[in-house]
Amino acid sequence: MLAHEIGHIKNYDILLQTVASIMVGAIIIISDIFSRTLLWGGGRRRSDRNSGSGILAIIGLVLMIFAPIAGQLLRMCLSRNREYLADATAADLTGKPEALASALLKISGNPTPVMRASKATEGMYISDPMKKFSNLFSTHPPIEKRVEALRNMK
């Protein structure tokens, strides 16, 4: 498992996640500006009715709806792919992909959910800390798929 975490460092995952978070944050801020313009009218005067602010309002509304969804999807996709890459890097560093697969199975075998886990801390765990029924919005891929990928590396 230590080699897996070294894999995250070697692959610059923290830098990549930081850049992605900044980009998503910028999009959300822009959508917030558009939505506030829509809500407050953007200081429009009566003579400005046909100045194109309706198009900006529509763009703002679309961004306001889709920016958080796109941000979450980007976070999930990026995080899941980086987990597979860290697993592959760990297997390459140690030369023992089966050892990592075995460790993942042991860690995921505990059925007890972590009581203080939240969506904010979910990415810091090796397996799903909340033992959700759906992996749809999980930051980590299912353990079974990670183990399968490791076992196919032999």
N, C-alpha and C. Protein backbone atom coordinates (compact mmCIF):
# COMPACT_ATOMS: atom_id res chain seq x y z
N MET A 1 0.83 -1.19 0.00
CA MET A 1 0.00 0.00 0.00
C MET A 1 0.87 1.25 0.00
N LEU A 2 2.01 1.18 0.64
CA LEU A 2 2.93 2.31 0.64
C LEU A 2 3.41 2.61 -0.78
N ALA A 3 3.67 1.58 -1.56
CA ALA A 3 4.09 1.77 -2.94
C ALA A 3 2.98 2.45 -3.75
N HIS A 4 1.72 2.16 -3.43
CA HIS A 4 0.59 2.81 -4.09
C HIS A 4 0.62 4.32 -3.83
N GLU A 5 0.85 4.69 -2.58
CA GLU A 5 0.91 6.11 -2.23
C GLU A 5 2.13 6.78 -2.86
N ILE A 6 3.24 6.07 -2.94
CA ILE A 6 4.42 6.59 -3.64
C ILE A 6 4.10 6.79 -5.12
N GLY A 7 3.28 5.89 -5.66
CA GLY A 7 2.84 6.02 -7.05
C GLY A 7 2.09 7.32 -7.28
N HIS A 8 1.24 7.72 -6.31
CA HIS A 8 0.54 9.01 -6.42
C HIS A 8 1.54 10.16 -6.47
N ILE A 9 2.57 10.08 -5.65
CA ILE A 9 3.59 11.14 -5.62
C ILE A 9 4.37 11.14 -6.93
N LYS A 10 4.79 9.98 -7.37
CA LYS A 10 5.59 9.87 -8.59
C LYS A 10 4.82 10.37 -9.82
N ASN A 11 3.51 10.17 -9.83
CA ASN A 11 2.68 10.55 -10.97
C ASN A 11 2.11 11.97 -10.87
N TYR A 12 2.56 12.74 -9.88
CA TYR A 12 2.13 14.14 -9.69
C TYR A 12 0.61 14.28 -9.56
N ASP A 13 -0.02 13.34 -8.88
CA ASP A 13 -1.46 13.36 -8.74
C ASP A 13 -1.97 14.57 -7.95
N ILE A 14 -1.23 14.98 -6.93
CA ILE A 14 -1.67 16.12 -6.12
C ILE A 14 -1.67 17.39 -6.98
N LEU A 15 -0.64 17.57 -7.78
CA LEU A 15 -0.57 18.73 -8.67
C LEU A 15 -1.73 18.71 -9.66
N LEU A 16 -1.97 17.56 -10.26
CA LEU A 16 -3.04 17.44 -11.24
C LEU A 16 -4.41 17.72 -10.62
N GLN A 17 -4.65 17.17 -9.43
CA GLN A 17 -5.93 17.41 -8.74
C GLN A 17 -6.08 18.88 -8.37
N THR A 18 -4.98 19.53 -7.99
CA THR A 18 -5.02 20.95 -7.64
C THR A 18 -5.38 21.79 -8.86
N VAL A 19 -4.73 21.52 -9.98
CA VAL A 19 -5.02 22.27 -11.21
C VAL A 19 -6.47 22.04 -11.64
N ALA A 20 -6.93 20.80 -11.58
CA ALA A 20 -8.31 20.50 -11.95
C ALA A 20 -9.29 21.21 -11.02
N SER A 21 -9.00 21.25 -9.73
CA SER A 21 -9.88 21.93 -8.78
C SER A 21 -9.93 23.43 -9.05
N ILE A 22 -8.80 24.00 -9.40
CA ILE A 22 -8.77 25.44 -9.72
C ILE A 22 -9.60 25.72 -10.97
N MET A 23 -9.47 24.87 -11.97
CA MET A 23 -10.24 25.07 -13.20
C MET A 23 -11.74 24.94 -12.93
N VAL A 24 -12.13 23.93 -12.18
CA VAL A 24 -13.54 23.75 -11.85
C VAL A 24 -14.03 24.93 -11.00
N GLY A 25 -13.21 25.36 -10.05
CA GLY A 25 -13.58 26.50 -9.22
C GLY A 25 -13.77 27.76 -10.04
N ALA A 26 -12.92 27.98 -11.04
CA ALA A 26 -13.06 29.15 -11.91
C ALA A 26 -14.36 29.09 -12.69
N ILE A 27 -14.71 27.92 -13.19
CA ILE A 27 -15.97 27.77 -13.92
C ILE A 27 -17.15 28.05 -13.00
N ILE A 28 -17.08 27.56 -11.78
CA ILE A 28 -18.18 27.79 -10.83
C ILE A 28 -18.27 29.27 -10.47
N ILE A 29 -17.15 29.94 -10.31
CA ILE A 29 -17.18 31.38 -10.02
C ILE A 29 -17.79 32.15 -11.19
N ILE A 30 -17.41 31.78 -12.41
CA ILE A 30 -17.98 32.44 -13.59
C ILE A 30 -19.48 32.21 -13.66
N SER A 31 -19.92 30.97 -13.37
CA SER A 31 -21.36 30.69 -13.39
C SER A 31 -22.07 31.47 -12.29
N ASP A 32 -21.39 31.65 -11.16
CA ASP A 32 -21.98 32.44 -10.07
C ASP A 32 -22.14 33.90 -10.49
N ILE A 33 -21.15 34.44 -11.20
CA ILE A 33 -21.24 35.82 -11.69
C ILE A 33 -22.42 35.95 -12.65
N PHE A 34 -22.54 34.99 -13.58
CA PHE A 34 -23.66 35.02 -14.52
C PHE A 34 -25.00 34.90 -13.79
N SER A 35 -25.07 34.02 -12.79
CA SER A 35 -26.34 33.84 -12.08
C SER A 35 -26.70 35.08 -11.27
N ARG A 36 -25.72 35.75 -10.68
CA ARG A 36 -26.01 36.99 -9.96
C ARG A 36 -26.45 38.08 -10.93
N THR A 37 -25.86 38.10 -12.11
CA THR A 37 -26.28 39.05 -13.13
C THR A 37 -27.72 38.78 -13.52
N LEU A 38 -28.06 37.50 -13.66
CA LEU A 38 -29.42 37.12 -13.99
C LEU A 38 -30.39 37.52 -12.88
N LEU A 39 -29.99 37.26 -11.63
CA LEU A 39 -30.86 37.54 -10.49
C LEU A 39 -31.08 39.03 -10.27
N TRP A 40 -30.02 39.80 -10.33
CA TRP A 40 -30.11 41.22 -10.02
C TRP A 40 -30.25 42.12 -11.24
N GLY A 41 -30.25 41.54 -12.40
CA GLY A 41 -30.46 42.33 -13.61
C GLY A 41 -29.20 42.97 -14.16
N GLY A 42 -28.09 42.84 -13.48
CA GLY A 42 -26.83 43.35 -13.98
C GLY A 42 -26.76 44.84 -14.13
N GLY A 43 -27.57 45.61 -13.39
CA GLY A 43 -27.54 47.06 -13.49
C GLY A 43 -28.09 47.56 -14.81
N ARG A 44 -29.01 46.82 -15.40
CA ARG A 44 -29.59 47.14 -16.69
C ARG A 44 -30.46 48.39 -16.61
N ARG A 45 -30.37 49.21 -17.64
CA ARG A 45 -31.26 50.37 -17.76
C ARG A 45 -32.31 50.05 -18.80
N ARG A 46 -33.34 50.85 -18.83
CA ARG A 46 -34.42 50.62 -19.80
C ARG A 46 -33.92 50.69 -21.24
N SER A 47 -32.94 51.52 -21.50
CA SER A 47 -32.43 51.65 -22.87
C SER A 47 -31.55 50.47 -23.27
N ASP A 48 -31.17 49.65 -22.31
CA ASP A 48 -30.28 48.51 -22.59
C ASP A 48 -31.02 47.20 -22.83
N ARG A 49 -32.31 47.22 -23.03
CA ARG A 49 -33.09 45.98 -23.12
C ARG A 49 -32.62 45.05 -24.22
N ASN A 50 -32.22 45.55 -25.33
CA ASN A 50 -31.83 44.71 -26.46
C ASN A 50 -30.31 44.65 -26.63
N SER A 51 -29.57 44.78 -25.55
CA SER A 51 -28.11 44.83 -25.66
C SER A 51 -27.44 43.46 -25.59
N GLY A 52 -28.19 42.37 -25.60
CA GLY A 52 -27.59 41.04 -25.57
C GLY A 52 -27.47 40.45 -24.18
N SER A 53 -28.03 41.12 -23.18
CA SER A 53 -27.91 40.58 -21.82
C SER A 53 -28.76 39.32 -21.64
N GLY A 54 -29.76 39.12 -22.50
CA GLY A 54 -30.57 37.91 -22.44
C GLY A 54 -29.74 36.67 -22.75
N ILE A 55 -28.82 36.80 -23.70
CA ILE A 55 -27.93 35.69 -24.04
C ILE A 55 -27.01 35.38 -22.87
N LEU A 56 -26.49 36.43 -22.23
CA LEU A 56 -25.63 36.22 -21.06
C LEU A 56 -26.41 35.54 -19.93
N ALA A 57 -27.67 35.91 -19.78
CA ALA A 57 -28.49 35.30 -18.73
C ALA A 57 -28.69 33.81 -19.01
N ILE A 58 -28.92 33.46 -20.27
CA ILE A 58 -29.11 32.06 -20.62
C ILE A 58 -27.81 31.28 -20.40
N ILE A 59 -26.68 31.85 -20.80
CA ILE A 59 -25.38 31.21 -20.58
C ILE A 59 -25.15 31.02 -19.08
N GLY A 60 -25.47 32.05 -18.32
CA GLY A 60 -25.31 31.96 -16.86
C GLY A 60 -26.18 30.88 -16.25
N LEU A 61 -27.41 30.78 -16.73
CA LEU A 61 -28.32 29.76 -16.21
C LEU A 61 -27.82 28.36 -16.53
N VAL A 62 -27.35 28.17 -17.77
CA VAL A 62 -26.81 26.85 -18.16
C VAL A 62 -25.58 26.52 -17.31
N LEU A 63 -24.67 27.48 -17.16
CA LEU A 63 -23.48 27.24 -16.34
C LEU A 63 -23.85 26.99 -14.88
N MET A 64 -24.83 27.72 -14.38
CA MET A 64 -25.25 27.56 -12.99
C MET A 64 -25.76 26.14 -12.73
N ILE A 65 -26.41 25.56 -13.73
CA ILE A 65 -26.95 24.21 -13.57
C ILE A 65 -25.87 23.15 -13.77
N PHE A 66 -25.06 23.30 -14.83
CA PHE A 66 -24.14 22.24 -15.21
C PHE A 66 -22.75 22.34 -14.60
N ALA A 67 -22.33 23.49 -14.12
CA ALA A 67 -20.97 23.62 -13.58
C ALA A 67 -20.72 22.70 -12.38
N PRO A 68 -21.60 22.66 -11.38
CA PRO A 68 -21.33 21.74 -10.25
C PRO A 68 -21.35 20.27 -10.68
N ILE A 69 -22.23 19.93 -11.60
CA ILE A 69 -22.30 18.54 -12.08
C ILE A 69 -21.02 18.19 -12.84
N ALA A 70 -20.60 19.08 -13.73
CA ALA A 70 -19.38 18.84 -14.50
C ALA A 70 -18.17 18.77 -13.58
N GLY A 71 -18.14 19.60 -12.57
CA GLY A 71 -17.03 19.57 -11.61
C GLY A 71 -16.94 18.25 -10.88
N GLN A 72 -18.07 17.75 -10.43
CA GLN A 72 -18.10 16.47 -9.72
C GLN A 72 -17.69 15.33 -10.65
N LEU A 73 -18.19 15.35 -11.89
CA LEU A 73 -17.83 14.30 -12.84
C LEU A 73 -16.34 14.34 -13.18
N LEU A 74 -15.78 15.53 -13.33
CA LEU A 74 -14.35 15.66 -13.59
C LEU A 74 -13.54 15.12 -12.42
N ARG A 75 -13.95 15.46 -11.22
CA ARG A 75 -13.25 15.00 -10.01
C ARG A 75 -13.28 13.47 -9.93
N MET A 76 -14.44 12.88 -10.19
CA MET A 76 -14.57 11.43 -10.13
C MET A 76 -13.72 10.74 -11.18
N CYS A 77 -13.85 11.20 -12.41
CA CYS A 77 -13.13 10.58 -13.52
C CYS A 77 -11.62 10.67 -13.31
N LEU A 78 -11.16 11.84 -12.96
CA LEU A 78 -9.74 12.05 -12.75
C LEU A 78 -9.22 11.20 -11.59
N SER A 79 -9.96 11.19 -10.49
CA SER A 79 -9.53 10.45 -9.31
C SER A 79 -9.49 8.95 -9.59
N ARG A 80 -10.51 8.44 -10.23
CA ARG A 80 -10.55 6.99 -10.52
C ARG A 80 -9.40 6.58 -11.43
N ASN A 81 -9.16 7.36 -12.47
CA ASN A 81 -8.06 7.03 -13.38
C ASN A 81 -6.71 7.09 -12.69
N ARG A 82 -6.54 8.04 -11.80
CA ARG A 82 -5.27 8.17 -11.08
C ARG A 82 -5.07 7.02 -10.10
N GLU A 83 -6.15 6.45 -9.57
CA GLU A 83 -6.03 5.29 -8.68
C GLU A 83 -5.50 4.09 -9.46
N TYR A 84 -6.03 3.87 -10.66
CA TYR A 84 -5.51 2.77 -11.49
C TYR A 84 -4.04 3.00 -11.81
N LEU A 85 -3.68 4.25 -12.12
CA LEU A 85 -2.29 4.55 -12.45
C LEU A 85 -1.38 4.34 -11.25
N ALA A 86 -1.84 4.75 -10.05
CA ALA A 86 -1.03 4.54 -8.84
C ALA A 86 -0.88 3.04 -8.54
N ASP A 87 -1.93 2.27 -8.79
CA ASP A 87 -1.83 0.81 -8.62
C ASP A 87 -0.78 0.23 -9.58
N ALA A 88 -0.83 0.66 -10.84
CA ALA A 88 0.13 0.16 -11.83
C ALA A 88 1.55 0.58 -11.47
N THR A 89 1.71 1.81 -11.00
CA THR A 89 3.03 2.28 -10.59
C THR A 89 3.55 1.48 -9.41
N ALA A 90 2.67 1.20 -8.45
CA ALA A 90 3.06 0.40 -7.28
C ALA A 90 3.47 -1.01 -7.70
N ALA A 91 2.72 -1.60 -8.61
CA ALA A 91 3.06 -2.94 -9.09
C ALA A 91 4.40 -2.92 -9.82
N ASP A 92 4.66 -1.85 -10.57
CA ASP A 92 5.93 -1.73 -11.28
C ASP A 92 7.09 -1.52 -10.30
N LEU A 93 6.86 -0.70 -9.27
CA LEU A 93 7.92 -0.44 -8.28
C LEU A 93 8.30 -1.69 -7.50
N THR A 94 7.29 -2.43 -7.08
CA THR A 94 7.55 -3.61 -6.25
C THR A 94 7.78 -4.87 -7.06
N GLY A 95 7.23 -4.90 -8.26
CA GLY A 95 7.31 -6.12 -9.07
C GLY A 95 6.35 -7.19 -8.58
N LYS A 96 5.42 -6.82 -7.70
CA LYS A 96 4.49 -7.79 -7.11
C LYS A 96 3.06 -7.27 -7.17
N PRO A 97 2.42 -7.32 -8.32
CA PRO A 97 1.03 -6.84 -8.40
C PRO A 97 0.07 -7.66 -7.55
N GLU A 98 0.36 -8.93 -7.37
CA GLU A 98 -0.52 -9.79 -6.56
C GLU A 98 -0.50 -9.37 -5.09
N ALA A 99 0.62 -8.86 -4.61
CA ALA A 99 0.70 -8.41 -3.21
C ALA A 99 -0.23 -7.23 -2.98
N LEU A 100 -0.26 -6.28 -3.92
CA LEU A 100 -1.17 -5.13 -3.78
C LEU A 100 -2.62 -5.59 -3.91
N ALA A 101 -2.88 -6.50 -4.83
CA ALA A 101 -4.24 -7.03 -4.98
C ALA A 101 -4.71 -7.68 -3.68
N SER A 102 -3.84 -8.46 -3.07
CA SER A 102 -4.17 -9.13 -1.81
C SER A 102 -4.44 -8.11 -0.70
N ALA A 103 -3.61 -7.08 -0.62
CA ALA A 103 -3.81 -6.04 0.40
C ALA A 103 -5.13 -5.31 0.19
N LEU A 104 -5.46 -5.01 -1.05
CA LEU A 104 -6.74 -4.33 -1.34
C LEU A 104 -7.93 -5.19 -0.91
N LEU A 105 -7.85 -6.50 -1.18
CA LEU A 105 -8.93 -7.40 -0.79
C LEU A 105 -9.07 -7.48 0.73
N LYS A 106 -7.95 -7.50 1.44
CA LYS A 106 -8.01 -7.54 2.91
C LYS A 106 -8.61 -6.27 3.48
N ILE A 107 -8.21 -5.12 2.94
CA ILE A 107 -8.73 -3.85 3.44
C ILE A 107 -10.21 -3.72 3.15
N SER A 108 -10.64 -4.13 1.97
CA SER A 108 -12.05 -3.98 1.61
C SER A 108 -12.93 -5.03 2.27
N GLY A 109 -12.34 -6.05 2.87
CA GLY A 109 -13.11 -7.12 3.48
C GLY A 109 -13.82 -6.74 4.77
N ASN A 110 -13.45 -5.64 5.36
CA ASN A 110 -14.09 -5.19 6.60
C ASN A 110 -15.44 -4.55 6.27
N PRO A 111 -16.56 -5.14 6.75
CA PRO A 111 -17.89 -4.62 6.39
C PRO A 111 -18.33 -3.40 7.21
N THR A 112 -17.58 -3.02 8.21
CA THR A 112 -17.99 -1.92 9.09
C THR A 112 -17.70 -0.56 8.45
N PRO A 113 -18.74 0.30 8.33
CA PRO A 113 -18.47 1.64 7.80
C PRO A 113 -17.72 2.50 8.81
N VAL A 114 -16.92 3.42 8.33
CA VAL A 114 -16.20 4.34 9.20
C VAL A 114 -17.19 5.40 9.66
N MET A 115 -17.31 5.60 10.97
CA MET A 115 -18.34 6.47 11.52
C MET A 115 -18.12 7.95 11.22
N ARG A 116 -16.90 8.39 11.13
CA ARG A 116 -16.63 9.82 10.92
C ARG A 116 -16.27 10.17 9.49
N ALA A 117 -16.51 9.29 8.58
CA ALA A 117 -16.20 9.56 7.18
C ALA A 117 -17.26 10.46 6.58
N SER A 118 -16.86 11.27 5.61
CA SER A 118 -17.79 12.14 4.90
C SER A 118 -17.36 12.24 3.45
N LYS A 119 -18.15 12.92 2.63
CA LYS A 119 -17.77 13.11 1.23
C LYS A 119 -16.47 13.88 1.12
N ALA A 120 -16.20 14.77 2.07
CA ALA A 120 -14.98 15.58 2.04
C ALA A 120 -13.73 14.73 2.29
N THR A 121 -13.85 13.69 3.10
CA THR A 121 -12.69 12.87 3.44
C THR A 121 -12.64 11.55 2.68
N GLU A 122 -13.62 11.30 1.83
CA GLU A 122 -13.73 10.02 1.13
C GLU A 122 -12.47 9.70 0.32
N GLY A 123 -11.88 10.68 -0.33
CA GLY A 123 -10.72 10.45 -1.16
C GLY A 123 -9.47 10.06 -0.40
N MET A 124 -9.48 10.20 0.92
CA MET A 124 -8.31 9.88 1.73
C MET A 124 -8.28 8.42 2.17
N TYR A 125 -9.32 7.67 1.85
CA TYR A 125 -9.39 6.27 2.24
C TYR A 125 -9.02 5.37 1.07
N ILE A 126 -8.59 4.17 1.37
CA ILE A 126 -8.18 3.22 0.33
C ILE A 126 -9.41 2.54 -0.27
N SER A 127 -10.36 2.17 0.56
CA SER A 127 -11.61 1.61 0.07
C SER A 127 -12.74 2.50 0.56
N ASP A 128 -13.93 2.28 0.03
CA ASP A 128 -15.08 3.13 0.34
C ASP A 128 -15.36 3.14 1.84
N PRO A 129 -15.15 4.28 2.51
CA PRO A 129 -15.32 4.32 3.96
C PRO A 129 -16.78 4.28 4.41
N MET A 130 -17.69 4.64 3.53
CA MET A 130 -19.10 4.71 3.91
C MET A 130 -19.88 3.49 3.46
N LYS A 131 -19.21 2.57 2.76
CA LYS A 131 -19.82 1.32 2.30
C LYS A 131 -21.15 1.59 1.60
N LYS A 132 -21.11 2.50 0.63
CA LYS A 132 -22.32 2.87 -0.11
C LYS A 132 -22.78 1.71 -0.98
N PHE A 133 -24.05 1.78 -1.35
CA PHE A 133 -24.59 0.77 -2.25
C PHE A 133 -24.19 1.05 -3.69
N SER A 134 -23.93 2.30 -4.00
CA SER A 134 -23.59 2.66 -5.37
C SER A 134 -22.20 3.27 -5.43
N ASN A 135 -21.42 2.84 -6.40
CA ASN A 135 -20.10 3.41 -6.61
C ASN A 135 -20.13 4.53 -7.65
N LEU A 136 -21.33 4.98 -8.02
CA LEU A 136 -21.47 5.95 -9.09
C LEU A 136 -20.71 7.23 -8.82
N PHE A 137 -20.76 7.74 -7.60
CA PHE A 137 -20.11 9.01 -7.27
C PHE A 137 -18.89 8.82 -6.37
N SER A 138 -18.32 7.65 -6.36
CA SER A 138 -17.15 7.37 -5.55
C SER A 138 -15.89 7.92 -6.21
N THR A 139 -14.94 8.34 -5.38
CA THR A 139 -13.67 8.86 -5.90
C THR A 139 -12.72 7.72 -6.27
N HIS A 140 -12.95 6.53 -5.76
CA HIS A 140 -12.11 5.38 -6.04
C HIS A 140 -12.90 4.36 -6.87
N PRO A 141 -12.23 3.68 -7.79
CA PRO A 141 -12.93 2.62 -8.52
C PRO A 141 -13.21 1.44 -7.58
N PRO A 142 -14.14 0.59 -7.94
CA PRO A 142 -14.43 -0.58 -7.09
C PRO A 142 -13.18 -1.44 -6.91
N ILE A 143 -13.00 -1.96 -5.70
CA ILE A 143 -11.83 -2.79 -5.38
C ILE A 143 -11.73 -3.97 -6.33
N GLU A 144 -12.88 -4.57 -6.67
CA GLU A 144 -12.86 -5.74 -7.55
C GLU A 144 -12.22 -5.41 -8.89
N LYS A 145 -12.52 -4.23 -9.44
CA LYS A 145 -11.94 -3.85 -10.73
C LYS A 145 -10.46 -3.53 -10.60
N ARG A 146 -10.07 -2.95 -9.48
CA ARG A 146 -8.65 -2.67 -9.26
C ARG A 146 -7.87 -3.98 -9.14
N VAL A 147 -8.42 -4.94 -8.39
CA VAL A 147 -7.77 -6.25 -8.23
C VAL A 147 -7.68 -6.95 -9.58
N GLU A 148 -8.75 -6.89 -10.37
CA GLU A 148 -8.73 -7.51 -11.69
C GLU A 148 -7.65 -6.89 -12.58
N ALA A 149 -7.53 -5.56 -12.54
CA ALA A 149 -6.51 -4.89 -13.35
C ALA A 149 -5.11 -5.29 -12.89
N LEU A 150 -4.92 -5.41 -11.59
CA LEU A 150 -3.61 -5.82 -11.07
C LEU A 150 -3.28 -7.26 -11.46
N ARG A 151 -4.26 -8.12 -11.39
CA ARG A 151 -4.02 -9.52 -11.72
C ARG A 151 -3.79 -9.72 -13.22
N ASN A 152 -4.30 -8.80 -14.03
CA ASN A 152 -4.06 -8.88 -15.48
C ASN A 152 -2.70 -8.33 -15.87
N MET A 153 -1.96 -7.76 -14.92
CA MET A 153 -0.64 -7.19 -15.19
C MET A 153 0.45 -8.26 -15.24
N LYS A 154 0.19 -9.43 -14.72
CA LYS A 154 1.22 -10.48 -14.61
C LYS A 154 1.87 -10.78 -15.92
